[in-house]
């Protein structure tokens, strides 16, 4: 859900940019070519902490 929201916002704002998200079984070959903009998203960095209710989680969004 968070993944779809974040990538949806990026795609709406930057329709010609590519996105790579950890949560959607990404094709890592996308990160090898950086001639066009690429957004790398980890919507829940610290998934195990999140699953166990620990507050140490983050959202990571990288622009390359």
N, C-alpha and C. Protein backbone atom coordinates (compact mmCIF):
# COMPACT_ATOMS: atom_id res chain seq x y z
N UNK A 1 0.81 -1.19 0.00
CA UNK A 1 0.00 0.00 0.00
C UNK A 1 0.87 1.27 0.00
N UNK A 2 1.83 1.34 0.91
CA UNK A 2 2.72 2.50 0.94
C UNK A 2 3.52 2.58 -0.34
N UNK A 3 3.94 1.43 -0.84
CA UNK A 3 4.70 1.37 -2.08
C UNK A 3 3.89 1.95 -3.24
N UNK A 4 2.66 1.53 -3.38
CA UNK A 4 1.80 2.01 -4.47
C UNK A 4 1.56 3.51 -4.36
N UNK A 5 1.37 4.00 -3.14
CA UNK A 5 1.14 5.42 -2.94
C UNK A 5 2.37 6.23 -3.36
N UNK A 6 3.54 5.85 -2.86
CA UNK A 6 4.77 6.60 -3.14
C UNK A 6 5.10 6.57 -4.63
N UNK A 7 5.08 5.38 -5.24
CA UNK A 7 5.42 5.32 -6.66
C UNK A 7 4.36 6.01 -7.51
N UNK A 8 3.11 5.98 -7.08
CA UNK A 8 2.05 6.70 -7.80
C UNK A 8 2.26 8.20 -7.80
N UNK A 9 2.66 8.74 -6.67
CA UNK A 9 2.93 10.18 -6.58
C UNK A 9 4.11 10.55 -7.47
N UNK A 10 5.15 9.74 -7.44
CA UNK A 10 6.33 10.01 -8.28
C UNK A 10 5.94 9.96 -9.76
N UNK A 11 5.21 8.93 -10.15
CA UNK A 11 4.83 8.78 -11.56
C UNK A 11 3.92 9.91 -12.04
N UNK A 12 3.05 10.39 -11.15
CA UNK A 12 2.17 11.50 -11.53
C UNK A 12 2.97 12.79 -11.72
N UNK A 13 3.91 13.04 -10.82
CA UNK A 13 4.71 14.26 -10.89
C UNK A 13 5.78 14.20 -11.98
N UNK A 14 6.31 13.01 -12.23
CA UNK A 14 7.40 12.83 -13.19
C UNK A 14 7.11 11.63 -14.09
N UNK A 15 6.18 11.75 -15.01
CA UNK A 15 5.76 10.59 -15.81
C UNK A 15 6.85 9.98 -16.67
N UNK A 16 7.91 10.72 -16.96
CA UNK A 16 8.98 10.18 -17.81
C UNK A 16 10.12 9.56 -16.99
N UNK A 17 9.99 9.56 -15.66
CA UNK A 17 11.01 8.96 -14.80
C UNK A 17 10.65 7.50 -14.52
N UNK A 18 11.68 6.73 -14.21
CA UNK A 18 11.47 5.32 -13.87
C UNK A 18 11.45 5.16 -12.35
N UNK A 19 10.80 4.09 -11.87
CA UNK A 19 10.80 3.79 -10.44
C UNK A 19 11.22 2.34 -10.23
N UNK A 20 11.89 2.13 -9.12
CA UNK A 20 12.35 0.81 -8.71
C UNK A 20 11.99 0.68 -7.24
N UNK A 21 11.15 -0.29 -6.90
CA UNK A 21 10.72 -0.44 -5.52
C UNK A 21 11.08 -1.81 -4.98
N UNK A 22 11.63 -1.82 -3.80
CA UNK A 22 12.02 -3.07 -3.16
C UNK A 22 10.83 -4.00 -2.94
N UNK A 23 9.67 -3.45 -2.69
CA UNK A 23 8.51 -4.25 -2.33
C UNK A 23 7.86 -4.98 -3.51
N UNK A 24 8.23 -4.63 -4.73
CA UNK A 24 7.55 -5.22 -5.89
C UNK A 24 8.45 -6.13 -6.71
N UNK A 25 9.36 -6.83 -6.04
CA UNK A 25 10.28 -7.74 -6.74
C UNK A 25 10.94 -7.01 -7.91
N UNK A 26 11.79 -6.04 -7.63
CA UNK A 26 12.34 -5.18 -8.68
C UNK A 26 13.28 -5.90 -9.63
N UNK A 27 13.32 -5.36 -10.84
CA UNK A 27 14.30 -5.79 -11.83
C UNK A 27 15.53 -4.92 -11.60
N UNK A 28 16.52 -5.46 -10.94
CA UNK A 28 17.70 -4.68 -10.55
C UNK A 28 18.51 -4.17 -11.74
N UNK A 29 18.25 -4.71 -12.92
CA UNK A 29 18.94 -4.20 -14.11
C UNK A 29 18.56 -2.75 -14.38
N UNK A 30 17.41 -2.30 -13.87
CA UNK A 30 17.01 -0.90 -14.04
C UNK A 30 18.04 0.05 -13.42
N UNK A 31 18.69 -0.39 -12.36
CA UNK A 31 19.66 0.47 -11.67
C UNK A 31 21.00 0.53 -12.38
N UNK A 32 21.22 -0.33 -13.35
CA UNK A 32 22.50 -0.33 -14.06
C UNK A 32 22.58 0.82 -15.06
N UNK A 33 21.46 1.29 -15.54
CA UNK A 33 21.42 2.35 -16.56
C UNK A 33 20.86 3.60 -15.91
N UNK A 34 21.69 4.63 -15.80
CA UNK A 34 21.27 5.86 -15.14
C UNK A 34 21.24 7.06 -16.09
N UNK A 35 21.01 6.78 -17.37
CA UNK A 35 20.94 7.89 -18.32
C UNK A 35 19.59 8.60 -18.26
N UNK A 36 18.59 7.93 -17.73
CA UNK A 36 17.29 8.56 -17.48
C UNK A 36 17.04 8.50 -15.98
N UNK A 37 16.27 9.45 -15.44
CA UNK A 37 16.06 9.51 -13.99
C UNK A 37 15.44 8.22 -13.44
N UNK A 38 15.91 7.84 -12.27
CA UNK A 38 15.43 6.64 -11.60
C UNK A 38 15.19 6.96 -10.12
N UNK A 39 14.00 6.65 -9.64
CA UNK A 39 13.65 6.77 -8.23
C UNK A 39 13.70 5.37 -7.63
N UNK A 40 14.43 5.21 -6.54
CA UNK A 40 14.53 3.93 -5.84
C UNK A 40 13.80 4.09 -4.51
N UNK A 41 12.82 3.21 -4.28
CA UNK A 41 11.93 3.37 -3.13
C UNK A 41 11.99 2.12 -2.24
N UNK A 42 12.17 2.35 -0.96
CA UNK A 42 12.01 1.30 0.06
C UNK A 42 10.96 1.84 1.03
N UNK A 43 9.68 1.50 0.81
CA UNK A 43 8.61 2.12 1.58
C UNK A 43 8.61 1.76 3.06
N UNK A 44 9.15 0.62 3.42
CA UNK A 44 9.27 0.28 4.84
C UNK A 44 10.66 -0.31 5.06
N UNK A 45 11.62 0.58 5.31
CA UNK A 45 12.98 0.15 5.60
C UNK A 45 13.01 -0.23 7.07
N UNK A 46 13.21 -1.49 7.35
CA UNK A 46 13.11 -2.01 8.72
C UNK A 46 11.83 -2.82 8.85
N UNK A 47 11.54 -3.65 7.85
CA UNK A 47 10.29 -4.40 7.81
C UNK A 47 10.10 -5.27 9.05
N UNK A 48 11.15 -5.92 9.50
CA UNK A 48 11.02 -6.77 10.69
C UNK A 48 10.67 -5.94 11.92
N UNK A 49 11.30 -4.79 12.07
CA UNK A 49 10.94 -3.92 13.19
C UNK A 49 9.47 -3.52 13.10
N UNK A 50 9.04 -3.15 11.91
CA UNK A 50 7.64 -2.76 11.71
C UNK A 50 6.71 -3.91 12.07
N UNK A 51 7.05 -5.11 11.61
CA UNK A 51 6.20 -6.28 11.86
C UNK A 51 6.07 -6.58 13.35
N UNK A 52 7.11 -6.30 14.12
CA UNK A 52 7.09 -6.56 15.55
C UNK A 52 6.71 -5.34 16.39
N UNK A 53 6.31 -4.26 15.72
CA UNK A 53 5.83 -3.08 16.43
C UNK A 53 6.90 -2.19 17.00
N UNK A 54 8.15 -2.37 16.58
CA UNK A 54 9.23 -1.49 17.04
C UNK A 54 9.19 -0.20 16.23
N UNK A 55 9.43 0.94 16.86
CA UNK A 55 9.30 2.22 16.16
C UNK A 55 10.48 2.58 15.25
N UNK A 56 11.52 1.76 15.19
CA UNK A 56 12.69 2.09 14.37
C UNK A 56 12.47 1.62 12.93
N UNK A 57 11.72 2.38 12.17
CA UNK A 57 11.49 2.12 10.75
C UNK A 57 11.63 3.44 10.01
N UNK A 58 11.80 3.36 8.72
CA UNK A 58 11.97 4.57 7.91
C UNK A 58 11.42 4.33 6.51
N UNK A 59 11.21 5.42 5.82
CA UNK A 59 10.89 5.38 4.39
C UNK A 59 12.10 5.94 3.67
N UNK A 60 12.63 5.18 2.72
CA UNK A 60 13.79 5.63 1.98
C UNK A 60 13.39 5.86 0.52
N UNK A 61 13.69 7.05 0.02
CA UNK A 61 13.43 7.40 -1.37
C UNK A 61 14.70 8.04 -1.92
N UNK A 62 15.23 7.44 -2.97
CA UNK A 62 16.49 7.90 -3.56
C UNK A 62 16.23 8.33 -5.01
N UNK A 63 16.81 9.44 -5.39
CA UNK A 63 16.74 9.91 -6.78
C UNK A 63 18.11 9.74 -7.39
N UNK A 64 18.16 8.99 -8.49
CA UNK A 64 19.46 8.77 -9.16
C UNK A 64 19.34 9.21 -10.61
